[in-house]
PDB file of N, CA and C in Angstrom:
ATOM      1  N   UNK A   1      85.105  -1.218  21.745  1.00  0.00           N
ATOM      2  CA  UNK A   1      84.586  -0.451  22.913  1.00  0.00           C
ATOM      3  C   UNK A   1      84.847  -1.005  24.402  1.00  0.00           C
ATOM      4  N   UNK A   2      85.896   0.133  25.158  1.00  0.00           N
ATOM      5  CA  UNK A   2      86.555  -0.372  26.305  1.00  0.00           C
ATOM      6  C   UNK A   2      85.833  -0.983  27.459  1.00  0.00           C
ATOM      7  N   UNK A   3      84.344  -0.864  27.622  1.00  0.00           N
ATOM      8  CA  UNK A   3      83.710  -1.067  28.353  1.00  0.00           C
ATOM      9  C   UNK A   3      83.476  -2.802  28.003  1.00  0.00           C
ATOM     10  N   UNK A   4      83.342  -3.020  26.886  1.00  0.00           N
ATOM     11  CA  UNK A   4      82.887  -4.526  26.353  1.00  0.00           C
ATOM     12  C   UNK A   4      84.462  -5.355  26.597  1.00  0.00           C
ATOM     13  N   UNK A   5      85.270  -4.595  26.370  1.00  0.00           N
ATOM     14  CA  UNK A   5      86.592  -5.382  26.300  1.00  0.00           C
ATOM     15  C   UNK A   5      86.817  -5.528  27.970  1.00  0.00           C
ATOM     16  N   UNK A   6      86.587  -4.270  28.904  1.00  0.00           N
ATOM     17  CA  UNK A   6      86.648  -4.791  30.544  1.00  0.00           C
ATOM     18  C   UNK A   6      85.851  -6.178  30.804  1.00  0.00           C
ATOM     19  N   UNK A   7      84.647  -6.014  30.569  1.00  0.00           N
ATOM     20  CA  UNK A   7      83.688  -7.027  30.740  1.00  0.00           C
ATOM     21  C   UNK A   7      84.381  -7.946  30.233  1.00  0.00           C
ATOM     22  N   UNK A   8      84.426  -8.593  28.797  1.00  0.00           N
ATOM     23  CA  UNK A   8      85.081  -9.615  28.694  1.00  0.00           C
ATOM     24  C   UNK A   8      86.370 -10.321  29.286  1.00  0.00           C
ATOM     25  N   UNK A   9      87.131  -8.967  29.749  1.00  0.00           N
ATOM     26  CA  UNK A   9      88.534  -9.755  30.667  1.00  0.00           C
ATOM     27  C   UNK A   9      87.897 -10.252  31.796  1.00  0.00           C
ATOM     28  N   UNK A  10      87.318  -9.880  32.632  1.00  0.00           N
ATOM     29  CA  UNK A  10      86.656  -9.945  33.787  1.00  0.00           C
ATOM     30  C   UNK A  10      85.624 -11.118  33.809  1.00  0.00           C
ATOM     31  N   UNK A  11      84.902 -11.549  32.622  1.00  0.00           N
ATOM     32  CA  UNK A  11      84.609 -13.059  32.720  1.00  0.00           C
ATOM     33  C   UNK A  11      86.099 -13.875  32.460  1.00  0.00           C
ATOM     34  N   UNK A  12      86.924 -13.316  31.585  1.00  0.00           N
ATOM     35  CA  UNK A  12      87.715 -14.881  31.755  1.00  0.00           C
ATOM     36  C   UNK A  12      88.594 -14.837  33.355  1.00  0.00           C
ATOM     37  N   UNK A  13      88.736 -13.589  33.925  1.00  0.00           N
ATOM     38  CA  UNK A  13      89.410 -13.430  35.135  1.00  0.00           C
ATOM     39  C   UNK A  13      88.407 -14.387  35.889  1.00  0.00           C
ATOM     40  N   UNK A  14      86.794 -14.584  36.035  1.00  0.00           N
ATOM     41  CA  UNK A  14      86.248 -14.881  37.264  1.00  0.00           C
ATOM     42  C   UNK A  14      86.416 -16.768  36.367  1.00  0.00           C
ATOM     43  N   UNK A  15      86.513 -17.165  35.193  1.00  0.00           N
ATOM     44  CA  UNK A  15      86.395 -18.521  34.875  1.00  0.00           C
ATOM     45  C   UNK A  15      87.754 -19.268  35.364  1.00  0.00           C
ATOM     46  N   UNK A  16      89.135 -18.195  35.607  1.00  0.00           N
ATOM     47  CA  UNK A  16      90.134 -18.652  35.969  1.00  0.00           C
ATOM     48  C   UNK A  16      90.198 -18.886  37.593  1.00  0.00           C
ATOM     49  N   UNK A  17      89.442 -17.775  37.942  1.00  0.00           N
ATOM     50  CA  UNK A  17      89.889 -17.617  39.580  1.00  0.00           C
ATOM     51  C   UNK A  17      88.737 -18.602  40.488  1.00  0.00           C
ATOM     52  N   UNK A  18      87.959 -18.844  39.811  1.00  0.00           N
ATOM     53  CA  UNK A  18      86.432 -19.315  40.605  1.00  0.00           C
ATOM     54  C   UNK A  18      87.285 -20.820  40.977  1.00  0.00           C
ATOM     55  N   UNK A  19      86.207 -21.416  42.378  1.00  0.00           N
ATOM     56  CA  UNK A  19      86.340 -22.567  42.638  1.00  0.00           C
ATOM     57  C   UNK A  19      85.579 -23.364  42.060  1.00  0.00           C
ATOM     58  N   UNK A  20      84.691 -23.000  41.236  1.00  0.00           N
ATOM     59  CA  UNK A  20      83.703 -23.597  40.852  1.00  0.00           C
ATOM     60  C   UNK A  20      83.627 -24.357  40.128  1.00  0.00           C
ATOM     61  N   UNK A  21      83.134 -25.708  39.335  1.00  0.00           N
ATOM     62  CA  UNK A  21      83.558 -26.846  38.160  1.00  0.00           C
ATOM     63  C   UNK A  21      83.533 -25.735  37.389  1.00  0.00           C
ATOM     64  N   UNK A  22      84.014 -26.865  36.002  1.00  0.00           N
ATOM     65  CA  UNK A  22      84.224 -25.861  34.872  1.00  0.00           C
ATOM     66  C   UNK A  22      82.863 -25.877  34.020  1.00  0.00           C
ATOM     67  N   UNK A  23      82.047 -24.574  33.638  1.00  0.00           N
ATOM     68  CA  UNK A  23      80.751 -24.622  33.417  1.00  0.00           C
ATOM     69  C   UNK A  23      80.229 -23.819  34.267  1.00  0.00           C
ATOM     70  N   UNK A  24      80.213 -23.795  35.522  1.00  0.00           N
ATOM     71  CA  UNK A  24      79.583 -23.708  36.705  1.00  0.00           C
ATOM     72  C   UNK A  24      79.346 -21.833  36.359  1.00  0.00           C
ATOM     73  N   UNK A  25      78.743 -21.480  37.706  1.00  0.00           N
ATOM     74  CA  UNK A  25      78.513 -20.126  37.643  1.00  0.00           C
ATOM     75  C   UNK A  25      79.810 -19.158  37.749  1.00  0.00           C
ATOM     76  N   UNK A  26      81.047 -19.495  37.947  1.00  0.00           N
ATOM     77  CA  UNK A  26      82.056 -18.844  37.698  1.00  0.00           C
ATOM     78  C   UNK A  26      81.920 -17.678  38.808  1.00  0.00           C
ATOM     79  N   UNK A  27      81.692 -18.397  39.916  1.00  0.00           N
ATOM     80  CA  UNK A  27      81.861 -16.978  41.204  1.00  0.00           C
ATOM     81  C   UNK A  27      82.822 -16.820  41.770  1.00  0.00           C
ATOM     82  N   UNK A  28      82.955 -15.617  42.170  1.00  0.00           N
ATOM     83  CA  UNK A  28      84.807 -15.172  42.797  1.00  0.00           C
ATOM     84  C   UNK A  28      84.167 -13.758  43.749  1.00  0.00           C
ATOM     85  N   UNK A  29      84.855 -14.099  44.934  1.00  0.00           N
ATOM     86  CA  UNK A  29      84.335 -12.889  46.174  1.00  0.00           C
ATOM     87  C   UNK A  29      83.979 -11.282  45.285  1.00  0.00           C
ATOM     88  N   UNK A  30      83.367 -11.064  45.849  1.00  0.00           N
ATOM     89  CA  UNK A  30      83.279  -9.328  45.551  1.00  0.00           C
ATOM     90  C   UNK A  30      84.538  -8.637  45.516  1.00  0.00           C
ATOM     91  N   UNK A  31      84.778  -8.480  46.692  1.00  0.00           N
ATOM     92  CA  UNK A  31      86.326  -8.172  47.121  1.00  0.00           C
ATOM     93  C   UNK A  31      87.371  -8.087  45.804  1.00  0.00           C
ATOM     94  N   UNK A  32      87.539  -9.742  45.487  1.00  0.00           N
ATOM     95  CA  UNK A  32      88.274  -9.990  44.012  1.00  0.00           C
ATOM     96  C   UNK A  32      88.078  -9.359  43.094  1.00  0.00           C
ATOM     97  N   UNK A  33      86.314  -9.823  42.822  1.00  0.00           N
ATOM     98  CA  UNK A  33      86.194  -8.729  41.786  1.00  0.00           C
ATOM     99  C   UNK A  33      85.801  -7.624  41.378  1.00  0.00           C
ATOM    100  N   UNK A  34      85.695  -6.709  42.444  1.00  0.00           N
ATOM    101  CA  UNK A  34      85.624  -5.213  42.753  1.00  0.00           C
ATOM    102  C   UNK A  34      87.155  -4.864  42.585  1.00  0.00           C
ATOM    103  N   UNK A  35      88.488  -5.348  42.985  1.00  0.00           N
ATOM    104  CA  UNK A  35      89.481  -4.895  42.842  1.00  0.00           C
ATOM    105  C   UNK A  35      90.185  -5.167  41.396  1.00  0.00           C
ATOM    106  N   UNK A  36      90.032  -5.894  40.932  1.00  0.00           N
ATOM    107  CA  UNK A  36      90.305  -6.711  39.475  1.00  0.00           C
ATOM    108  C   UNK A  36      89.596  -5.822  38.434  1.00  0.00           C
ATOM    109  N   UNK A  37      88.366  -5.362  38.727  1.00  0.00           N
ATOM    110  CA  UNK A  37      87.490  -4.318  37.725  1.00  0.00           C
ATOM    111  C   UNK A  37      88.142  -2.577  37.926  1.00  0.00           C
ATOM    112  N   UNK A  38      88.463  -2.481  38.910  1.00  0.00           N
ATOM    113  CA  UNK A  38      88.806  -0.950  39.300  1.00  0.00           C
ATOM    114  C   UNK A  38      90.424  -1.047  38.956  1.00  0.00           C
ATOM    115  N   UNK A  39      91.237  -1.844  38.881  1.00  0.00           N
ATOM    116  CA  UNK A  39      92.580  -1.606  38.877  1.00  0.00           C
ATOM    117  C   UNK A  39      92.478  -2.058  36.936  1.00  0.00           C
ATOM    118  N   UNK A  40      91.911  -2.658  36.148  1.00  0.00           N
ATOM    119  CA  UNK A  40      91.520  -2.764  34.793  1.00  0.00           C
ATOM    120  C   UNK A  40      91.036  -1.410  33.789  1.00  0.00           C
ATOM    121  N   UNK A  41      90.011  -0.949  34.789  1.00  0.00           N
ATOM    122  CA  UNK A  41      89.086   0.368  34.453  1.00  0.00           C
ATOM    123  C   UNK A  41      90.228   1.199  34.367  1.00  0.00           C
ATOM    124  N   UNK A  42      91.640   1.400  35.514  1.00  0.00           N
ATOM    125  CA  UNK A  42      92.138   2.599  35.945  1.00  0.00           C
ATOM    126  C   UNK A  42      93.002   2.225  34.619  1.00  0.00           C
ATOM    127  N   UNK A  43      93.482   1.338  34.395  1.00  0.00           N
ATOM    128  CA  UNK A  43      94.459   0.840  33.501  1.00  0.00           C
ATOM    129  C   UNK A  43      94.133   1.652  31.882  1.00  0.00           C
ATOM    130  N   UNK A  44      93.058   1.164  31.593  1.00  0.00           N
ATOM    131  CA  UNK A  44      92.208   1.729  30.118  1.00  0.00           C
ATOM    132  C   UNK A  44      91.788   3.142  30.368  1.00  0.00           C
ATOM    133  N   UNK A  45      91.389   3.707  31.118  1.00  0.00           N
ATOM    134  CA  UNK A  45      91.851   5.226  31.338  1.00  0.00           C
ATOM    135  C   UNK A  45      90.785   5.983  30.137  1.00  0.00           C
ATOM    136  N   UNK A  46      89.914   4.875  29.389  1.00  0.00           N
ATOM    137  CA  UNK A  46      88.579   5.548  29.046  1.00  0.00           C
ATOM    138  C   UNK A  46      87.328   5.841  30.016  1.00  0.00           C
ATOM    139  N   UNK A  47      87.013   4.590  30.742  1.00  0.00           N
ATOM    140  CA  UNK A  47      86.173   4.544  31.289  1.00  0.00           C
ATOM    141  C   UNK A  47      85.793   5.435  32.640  1.00  0.00           C
ATOM    142  N   UNK A  48      84.929   6.377  32.878  1.00  0.00           N
ATOM    143  CA  UNK A  48      84.882   7.224  33.960  1.00  0.00           C
ATOM    144  C   UNK A  48      84.632   7.074  34.903  1.00  0.00           C
ATOM    145  N   UNK A  49      85.727   7.266  35.940  1.00  0.00           N
ATOM    146  CA  UNK A  49      85.810   6.889  37.691  1.00  0.00           C
ATOM    147  C   UNK A  49      84.115   6.676  38.418  1.00  0.00           C
ATOM    148  N   UNK A  50      83.056   7.537  37.794  1.00  0.00           N
ATOM    149  CA  UNK A  50      81.905   7.728  38.434  1.00  0.00           C
ATOM    150  C   UNK A  50      80.982   6.321  37.640  1.00  0.00           C
ATOM    151  N   UNK A  51      81.718   6.120  36.271  1.00  0.00           N
ATOM    152  CA  UNK A  51      80.729   4.994  35.993  1.00  0.00           C
ATOM    153  C   UNK A  51      81.228   3.628  36.190  1.00  0.00           C
ATOM    154  N   UNK A  52      82.251   3.517  36.322  1.00  0.00           N
ATOM    155  CA  UNK A  52      82.867   2.301  37.699  1.00  0.00           C
ATOM    156  C   UNK A  52      82.540   2.441  39.165  1.00  0.00           C
ATOM    157  N   UNK A  53      82.611   3.088  39.852  1.00  0.00           N
ATOM    158  CA  UNK A  53      81.890   3.426  40.687  1.00  0.00           C
ATOM    159  C   UNK A  53      80.282   2.889  40.854  1.00  0.00           C
ATOM    160  N   UNK A  54      79.402   3.383  40.262  1.00  0.00           N
ATOM    161  CA  UNK A  54      78.067   2.896  39.878  1.00  0.00           C
ATOM    162  C   UNK A  54      77.836   1.261  39.333  1.00  0.00           C
ATOM    163  N   UNK A  55      78.857   0.718  38.661  1.00  0.00           N
ATOM    164  CA  UNK A  55      78.490  -0.661  38.242  1.00  0.00           C
ATOM    165  C   UNK A  55      79.559  -1.424  39.587  1.00  0.00           C
ATOM    166  N   UNK A  56      80.027  -1.347  40.054  1.00  0.00           N
ATOM    167  CA  UNK A  56      80.546  -1.790  41.202  1.00  0.00           C
ATOM    168  C   UNK A  56      79.423  -1.964  42.510  1.00  0.00           C
ATOM    169  N   UNK A  57      78.934  -0.859  42.157  1.00  0.00           N
ATOM    170  CA  UNK A  57      77.450  -0.926  43.413  1.00  0.00           C
ATOM    171  C   UNK A  57      76.498  -1.388  42.950  1.00  0.00           C
ATOM    172  N   UNK A  58      76.073  -1.769  41.686  1.00  0.00           N
ATOM    173  CA  UNK A  58      75.236  -2.735  41.520  1.00  0.00           C
ATOM    174  C   UNK A  58      75.480  -4.007  41.676  1.00  0.00           C
ATOM    175  N   UNK A  59      76.607  -4.128  41.301  1.00  0.00           N
ATOM    176  CA  UNK A  59      77.306  -5.617  41.364  1.00  0.00           C
ATOM    177  C   UNK A  59      77.498  -6.065  43.269  1.00  0.00           C
ATOM    178  N   UNK A  60      77.508  -5.068  43.853  1.00  0.00           N
ATOM    179  CA  UNK A  60      77.749  -5.530  44.861  1.00  0.00           C
ATOM    180  C   UNK A  60      76.384  -5.889  45.791  1.00  0.00           C
ATOM    181  N   UNK A  61      75.498  -4.923  45.428  1.00  0.00           N
ATOM    182  CA  UNK A  61      73.663  -5.116  45.794  1.00  0.00           C
ATOM    183  C   UNK A  61      73.706  -6.750  45.353  1.00  0.00           C
ATOM    184  N   UNK A  62      74.013  -7.190  44.495  1.00  0.00           N
ATOM    185  CA  UNK A  62      73.467  -8.453  43.600  1.00  0.00           C
ATOM    186  C   UNK A  62      74.452  -9.626  44.703  1.00  0.00           C
ATOM    187  N   UNK A  63      75.953  -9.223  44.665  1.00  0.00           N
ATOM    188  CA  UNK A  63      76.679 -10.034  46.087  1.00  0.00           C
ATOM    189  C   UNK A  63      76.266 -10.173  46.974  1.00  0.00           C
ATOM    190  N   UNK A  64      75.606  -9.132  47.584  1.00  0.00           N
ATOM    191  CA  UNK A  64      75.264  -9.189  49.029  1.00  0.00           C
ATOM    192  C   UNK A  64      74.244 -10.095  49.192  1.00  0.00           C
ATOM    193  N   UNK A  65      73.346 -10.353  48.384  1.00  0.00           N
ATOM    194  CA  UNK A  65      72.143 -11.471  48.141  1.00  0.00           C
ATOM    195  C   UNK A  65      72.518 -12.654  47.826  1.00  0.00           C
ATOM    196  N   UNK A  66      74.131 -12.932  47.660  1.00  0.00           N
ATOM    197  CA  UNK A  66      74.610 -14.536  47.280  1.00  0.00           C
ATOM    198  C   UNK A  66      76.032 -14.655  47.765  1.00  0.00           C
ATOM    199  N   UNK A  67      75.706 -14.415  49.243  1.00  0.00           N
ATOM    200  CA  UNK A  67      76.628 -15.090  49.843  1.00  0.00           C
ATOM    201  C   UNK A  67      78.148 -14.043  49.518  1.00  0.00           C
ATOM    202  N   UNK A  68      77.996 -13.157  49.209  1.00  0.00           N
ATOM    203  CA  UNK A  68      79.309 -11.974  49.002  1.00  0.00           C
ATOM    204  C   UNK A  68      80.010 -12.371  47.299  1.00  0.00           C
ATOM    205  N   UNK A  69      79.382 -13.513  46.781  1.00  0.00           N
ATOM    206  CA  UNK A  69      80.351 -13.637  45.914  1.00  0.00           C
ATOM    207  C   UNK A  69      79.222 -13.222  44.326  1.00  0.00           C
ATOM    208  N   UNK A  70      80.448 -13.023  43.535  1.00  0.00           N
ATOM    209  CA  UNK A  70      79.752 -12.388  42.034  1.00  0.00           C
ATOM    210  C   UNK A  70      79.626 -13.559  41.027  1.00  0.00           C
ATOM    211  N   UNK A  71      78.807 -13.126  40.116  1.00  0.00           N
ATOM    212  CA  UNK A  71      78.637 -14.743  39.076  1.00  0.00           C
ATOM    213  C   UNK A  71      78.613 -13.851  37.709  1.00  0.00           C
ATOM    214  N   UNK A  72      79.013 -14.859  37.058  1.00  0.00           N
ATOM    215  CA  UNK A  72      79.124 -13.958  35.587  1.00  0.00           C
ATOM    216  C   UNK A  72      77.745 -13.615  34.955  1.00  0.00           C
ATOM    217  N   UNK A  73      76.508 -14.096  35.771  1.00  0.00           N
ATOM    218  CA  UNK A  73      74.846 -13.659  34.759  1.00  0.00           C
ATOM    219  C   UNK A  73      75.160 -12.041  35.469  1.00  0.00           C
ATOM    220  N   UNK A  74      75.812 -11.641  36.320  1.00  0.00           N
ATOM    221  CA  UNK A  74      75.699 -10.642  37.309  1.00  0.00           C
ATOM    222  C   UNK A  74      75.843  -9.340  36.225  1.00  0.00           C
ATOM    223  N   UNK A  75      76.840  -9.550  35.551  1.00  0.00           N
ATOM    224  CA  UNK A  75      76.894  -8.760  34.623  1.00  0.00           C
ATOM    225  C   UNK A  75      77.582  -9.180  32.982  1.00  0.00           C
TER     226      UNK A  75
END
């Protein structure tokens, strides 16, 4: 499943890029999350652009309530 693979990649990216301690929430800025997700979805080519935009919109709504940060539990 391309979406599951992409979300797994995003989980690893968050764990690598976060400044949280290991085992923490693995927060990263929404701007970084959005850039990486869009880039990887574009490379994959199987995830429709509308689906990507809808997903990022939902994540942004959550990030806006979390000082602009995306947490692993958000996706």
